[in-house]
N, C-alpha and C. Protein backbone atom coordinates (compact mmCIF):
# COMPACT_ATOMS: atom_id res chain seq x y z
N ILE A 1 7.26 15.89 13.73
CA ILE A 1 7.62 15.58 12.04
C ILE A 1 7.41 17.65 11.25
N TYR A 2 6.64 18.01 12.16
CA TYR A 2 6.05 19.17 11.25
C TYR A 2 7.46 19.98 11.42
N GLU A 3 8.53 19.96 12.62
CA GLU A 3 9.90 21.11 13.06
C GLU A 3 10.76 19.98 11.76
N ARG A 4 10.05 19.13 12.00
CA ARG A 4 12.08 18.38 10.96
C ARG A 4 11.53 18.70 9.58
N THR A 5 10.09 19.18 9.15
CA THR A 5 10.04 20.04 7.93
C THR A 5 10.84 20.91 7.47
N LEU A 6 10.44 22.13 8.99
CA LEU A 6 11.17 23.63 8.65
C LEU A 6 12.59 23.68 8.79
N GLU A 7 12.97 22.50 8.63
CA GLU A 7 14.65 22.20 8.48
C GLU A 7 14.95 21.93 7.17
N ILE A 8 14.00 21.28 6.03
CA ILE A 8 14.39 21.02 4.21
C ILE A 8 15.01 21.97 3.81
N ASN A 9 16.17 22.67 3.98
CA ASN A 9 17.01 23.61 2.44
C ASN A 9 16.85 23.13 1.56
N SER A 10 16.86 22.26 0.83
CA SER A 10 17.08 21.67 -0.15
C SER A 10 16.70 20.25 -0.87
N PHE A 11 16.24 19.91 -2.56
CA PHE A 11 15.74 18.37 -2.01
C PHE A 11 16.41 18.38 -4.25
N LYS A 12 16.35 17.14 -4.23
CA LYS A 12 16.85 16.57 -5.59
C LYS A 12 16.05 16.51 -6.74
N THR A 13 16.11 16.45 -8.13
CA THR A 13 14.69 16.62 -9.05
C THR A 13 16.34 15.24 -10.25
N LEU A 14 14.91 15.13 -11.41
CA LEU A 14 15.64 14.45 -12.57
C LEU A 14 14.83 15.43 -13.44
N GLU A 15 16.10 16.36 -14.15
CA GLU A 15 15.17 16.49 -15.07
C GLU A 15 14.66 16.19 -16.33
N GLY A 16 13.89 15.95 -17.39
CA GLY A 16 13.45 15.70 -18.52
C GLY A 16 12.77 14.52 -18.47
N VAL A 17 12.36 14.15 -17.23
CA VAL A 17 11.98 12.74 -17.32
C VAL A 17 10.46 12.63 -17.21
N ASP A 18 9.71 12.95 -18.20
CA ASP A 18 8.61 13.47 -17.81
C ASP A 18 7.24 12.11 -18.50
N ASP A 19 8.28 11.40 -19.09
CA ASP A 19 7.72 9.68 -19.39
C ASP A 19 7.41 8.55 -18.34
N VAL A 20 6.90 8.74 -17.25
CA VAL A 20 6.63 7.81 -16.41
C VAL A 20 5.38 6.78 -16.48
N ASP A 21 5.22 6.05 -16.85
CA ASP A 21 3.25 5.77 -17.21
C ASP A 21 3.52 4.83 -15.80
N ILE A 22 2.72 5.38 -14.81
CA ILE A 22 2.83 5.52 -13.39
C ILE A 22 1.55 4.25 -12.97
N ASN A 23 0.97 4.38 -14.60
CA ASN A 23 -0.77 3.36 -14.61
C ASN A 23 -0.04 1.92 -15.23
N ALA A 24 1.66 1.98 -15.05
CA ALA A 24 1.86 0.72 -16.03
C ALA A 24 1.45 -0.76 -15.44
N LEU A 25 2.28 -1.81 -15.88
CA LEU A 25 1.14 -3.02 -15.37
C LEU A 25 2.67 -3.46 -13.76
N PRO A 26 2.42 -3.77 -12.38
CA PRO A 26 3.28 -3.48 -11.55
C PRO A 26 4.60 -4.64 -12.20
N GLY A 27 5.79 -4.29 -12.39
CA GLY A 27 7.08 -4.88 -12.33
C GLY A 27 7.99 -3.96 -13.35
N MET A 28 6.70 -2.96 -14.20
CA MET A 28 7.56 -2.41 -15.12
C MET A 28 8.50 -1.17 -14.85
N VAL A 29 9.82 -1.87 -15.46
CA VAL A 29 10.90 -0.69 -14.81
C VAL A 29 10.79 0.29 -16.18
N HIS A 30 11.14 1.31 -15.50
CA HIS A 30 10.51 2.47 -16.30
C HIS A 30 12.83 3.22 -16.06
N GLU A 31 13.47 3.09 -17.08
CA GLU A 31 15.05 3.28 -16.44
C GLU A 31 15.53 5.00 -17.54
N LEU A 32 15.93 5.10 -16.01
CA LEU A 32 15.70 7.15 -15.86
C LEU A 32 16.80 7.68 -16.89
N THR A 33 17.99 6.63 -16.16
CA THR A 33 19.82 7.13 -16.48
C THR A 33 20.28 5.28 -16.42
N GLU A 34 21.32 6.46 -16.51
CA GLU A 34 22.03 4.97 -15.89
C GLU A 34 22.29 4.33 -14.65
N VAL A 35 21.98 5.24 -14.04
CA VAL A 35 21.98 4.43 -12.59
C VAL A 35 20.56 4.75 -11.78
N SER A 36 20.09 5.29 -12.53
CA SER A 36 18.13 5.06 -11.98
C SER A 36 17.47 4.91 -12.82
N SER A 37 16.41 4.61 -11.40
CA SER A 37 15.37 3.25 -12.65
C SER A 37 14.09 3.62 -11.81
N VAL A 38 12.76 3.02 -12.29
CA VAL A 38 11.20 3.51 -11.53
C VAL A 38 11.07 2.38 -11.73
N VAL A 39 10.77 1.51 -10.38
CA VAL A 39 9.68 0.18 -10.63
C VAL A 39 8.47 0.46 -10.68
N ILE A 40 7.45 0.14 -11.71
CA ILE A 40 6.23 0.29 -11.03
C ILE A 40 5.37 -0.60 -9.90
N ILE A 41 4.56 -0.31 -8.72
CA ILE A 41 4.16 -1.90 -8.25
C ILE A 41 3.02 -1.50 -8.10
N ASP A 42 2.29 -2.23 -7.72
CA ASP A 42 0.67 -2.54 -7.29
C ASP A 42 1.06 -2.12 -5.57
N PRO A 43 0.83 -1.01 -4.89
CA PRO A 43 0.94 -1.10 -3.51
C PRO A 43 -0.02 -1.55 -2.65
N PHE A 44 -1.08 -2.12 -3.01
CA PHE A 44 -1.73 -3.34 -1.90
C PHE A 44 -1.57 -4.78 -1.40
N THR A 45 -0.66 -5.12 -2.77
CA THR A 45 -0.27 -6.23 -3.10
C THR A 45 1.29 -6.23 -2.11
N GLU A 46 2.26 -5.04 -1.99
CA GLU A 46 3.10 -4.71 -1.31
C GLU A 46 2.29 -4.78 -0.09
N TYR A 47 1.65 -4.06 0.43
CA TYR A 47 1.17 -4.00 1.78
C TYR A 47 0.17 -5.33 2.52
N VAL A 48 -0.07 -6.09 1.78
CA VAL A 48 -0.65 -6.98 2.12
C VAL A 48 0.51 -8.45 2.18
N THR A 49 1.83 -8.70 1.04
CA THR A 49 2.29 -9.24 1.58
C THR A 49 3.49 -8.96 2.83
N VAL A 50 3.71 -7.94 3.16
CA VAL A 50 4.24 -6.97 4.52
C VAL A 50 3.48 -7.95 6.01
N LEU A 51 2.14 -7.51 5.70
CA LEU A 51 1.44 -8.03 7.02
C LEU A 51 1.46 -9.66 6.82
N LYS A 52 0.86 -10.52 5.77
CA LYS A 52 1.32 -11.67 5.64
C LYS A 52 2.85 -11.94 6.13
N GLN A 53 3.63 -11.43 6.53
CA GLN A 53 4.45 -11.60 7.06
C GLN A 53 4.86 -11.64 8.80
N CYS A 54 4.03 -10.72 9.51
CA CYS A 54 4.17 -10.49 10.31
C CYS A 54 2.59 -11.26 11.28
N PHE A 55 2.20 -11.24 10.27
CA PHE A 55 0.13 -12.01 11.22
C PHE A 55 0.18 -13.35 10.44
N ASP A 56 -0.86 -13.92 11.44
CA ASP A 56 -1.09 -15.62 11.13
C ASP A 56 -2.27 -15.07 10.06
N PHE A 57 -2.55 -14.95 8.43
CA PHE A 57 -3.82 -14.11 8.01
C PHE A 57 -4.77 -15.85 8.04
N SER A 58 -4.13 -16.86 7.93
CA SER A 58 -5.00 -18.21 7.83
C SER A 58 -5.99 -18.07 9.27
N ALA A 59 -5.15 -17.64 10.43
CA ALA A 59 -5.94 -18.04 12.24
C ALA A 59 -6.61 -16.93 12.18
N LEU A 60 -6.23 -15.12 11.21
CA LEU A 60 -7.05 -13.73 11.63
C LEU A 60 -8.36 -14.11 10.54
N ARG A 61 -8.55 -15.28 9.54
CA ARG A 61 -9.56 -15.09 8.33
C ARG A 61 -9.99 -16.55 9.11
N GLU A 62 -10.02 -17.80 9.83
CA GLU A 62 -10.74 -18.81 10.71
C GLU A 62 -11.71 -17.74 11.87
N PHE A 63 -10.46 -16.85 12.88
CA PHE A 63 -11.27 -16.34 13.72
C PHE A 63 -12.08 -15.23 12.97
N CYS A 64 -11.97 -14.43 12.00
CA CYS A 64 -13.31 -13.71 11.64
C CYS A 64 -14.24 -14.02 11.11
N GLN A 65 -14.81 -15.57 11.05
CA GLN A 65 -15.60 -16.28 9.77
C GLN A 65 -16.45 -16.80 11.63
N ARG A 66 -16.05 -16.95 12.94
CA ARG A 66 -16.61 -17.32 13.71
C ARG A 66 -18.42 -15.72 13.87
N PRO A 67 -19.37 -16.66 14.15
CA PRO A 67 -20.48 -16.38 14.37
C PRO A 67 -20.84 -15.06 15.86
N ASP A 68 -19.58 -15.69 16.76
CA ASP A 68 -19.65 -14.44 17.75
C ASP A 68 -18.54 -13.43 17.12
N PHE A 69 -17.92 -13.20 16.42
CA PHE A 69 -17.32 -11.86 16.17
C PHE A 69 -18.20 -11.22 15.16
N THR A 70 -18.17 -9.90 15.43
CA THR A 70 -18.57 -9.17 14.65
C THR A 70 -17.58 -8.03 14.58
N MET A 71 -17.55 -6.98 13.47
CA MET A 71 -16.58 -5.64 13.32
C MET A 71 -16.65 -4.53 12.67
N LEU A 72 -16.48 -3.33 13.05
CA LEU A 72 -17.05 -2.24 12.38
C LEU A 72 -15.40 -1.32 12.67
N PHE A 73 -15.64 -1.32 10.84
CA PHE A 73 -14.53 -0.18 10.48
C PHE A 73 -14.54 1.10 10.18
N ASP A 74 -14.04 1.86 10.49
CA ASP A 74 -14.24 3.45 10.45
C ASP A 74 -12.61 4.28 9.92
N GLY A 75 -12.76 3.71 8.49
CA GLY A 75 -11.35 4.69 7.93
C GLY A 75 -11.47 6.28 8.05
N MET A 76 -12.58 7.16 9.24
CA MET A 76 -12.34 8.79 8.92
C MET A 76 -12.15 9.17 7.09
N HIS A 77 -12.38 8.18 6.27
CA HIS A 77 -12.62 9.26 4.95
C HIS A 77 -10.48 9.32 4.95
N GLY A 78 -10.52 8.11 5.23
CA GLY A 78 -8.40 8.40 4.80
C GLY A 78 -8.35 7.60 3.75
N ALA A 79 -7.13 8.18 3.42
CA ALA A 79 -6.41 6.89 1.83
C ALA A 79 -6.68 5.74 2.68
N GLY A 80 -6.90 4.62 3.40
CA GLY A 80 -6.29 3.53 4.15
C GLY A 80 -7.36 3.15 3.93
N GLY A 81 -9.08 3.74 3.26
CA GLY A 81 -10.13 3.12 2.90
C GLY A 81 -9.73 1.45 1.77
N PRO A 82 -9.02 1.66 1.08
CA PRO A 82 -8.94 0.80 -0.28
C PRO A 82 -7.69 -0.08 0.47
N PHE A 83 -7.29 0.13 0.71
CA PHE A 83 -5.95 -0.89 1.94
C PHE A 83 -7.02 -1.62 2.77
N ALA A 84 -7.85 -1.07 3.79
CA ALA A 84 -8.39 -1.31 4.85
C ALA A 84 -9.44 -2.89 3.73
N ARG A 85 -10.23 -2.47 2.67
CA ARG A 85 -11.13 -3.16 2.13
C ARG A 85 -9.91 -4.45 1.83
N ARG A 86 -9.09 -4.35 1.17
CA ARG A 86 -8.19 -5.25 0.28
C ARG A 86 -7.58 -6.36 1.72
N VAL A 87 -7.69 -6.27 2.77
CA VAL A 87 -7.34 -6.80 3.82
C VAL A 87 -8.62 -7.55 4.42
N LEU A 88 -9.45 -6.81 4.59
CA LEU A 88 -10.57 -7.39 5.85
C LEU A 88 -11.40 -7.80 4.77
N VAL A 89 -11.78 -7.70 3.43
CA VAL A 89 -13.04 -8.05 3.11
C VAL A 89 -12.12 -8.90 1.95
N GLU A 90 -11.08 -8.98 1.25
CA GLU A 90 -10.72 -9.71 0.29
C GLU A 90 -9.52 -10.74 0.38
N GLU A 91 -8.91 -10.58 1.19
CA GLU A 91 -8.08 -11.26 2.13
C GLU A 91 -8.95 -12.37 3.13
N LEU A 92 -9.63 -11.11 3.99
CA LEU A 92 -10.25 -11.79 5.16
C LEU A 92 -11.54 -12.22 5.17
N GLY A 93 -12.79 -12.32 4.23
CA GLY A 93 -13.25 -13.02 3.88
C GLY A 93 -14.63 -12.09 4.44
N LEU A 94 -14.55 -10.21 5.47
CA LEU A 94 -15.35 -9.87 6.42
C LEU A 94 -16.21 -9.27 4.86
N PRO A 95 -17.39 -9.10 5.31
CA PRO A 95 -18.79 -8.37 4.22
C PRO A 95 -18.27 -7.06 4.55
N GLU A 96 -18.67 -6.49 3.23
CA GLU A 96 -18.82 -4.99 3.21
C GLU A 96 -19.60 -3.82 4.04
């Protein structure tokens, strides 16, 4: 990946657009120009939605509730911690 970044010789920006509220509610659309817009999303919900298309969360939740199942998660101080909490605790019912 690093080698590919060395090949970047230009990038595009959109001048004069400073009022996009990234803290707006998911679904809020900011029209930037006649042909471009920004839609605010909830990344946690989007992530879980994709995972639920790939995995049987009902079966996983049932498995996680078995008394002989234990799990230790270490996110190594990474940005994935909040996503893991959403999946493991809120969706699968594991303790924190």
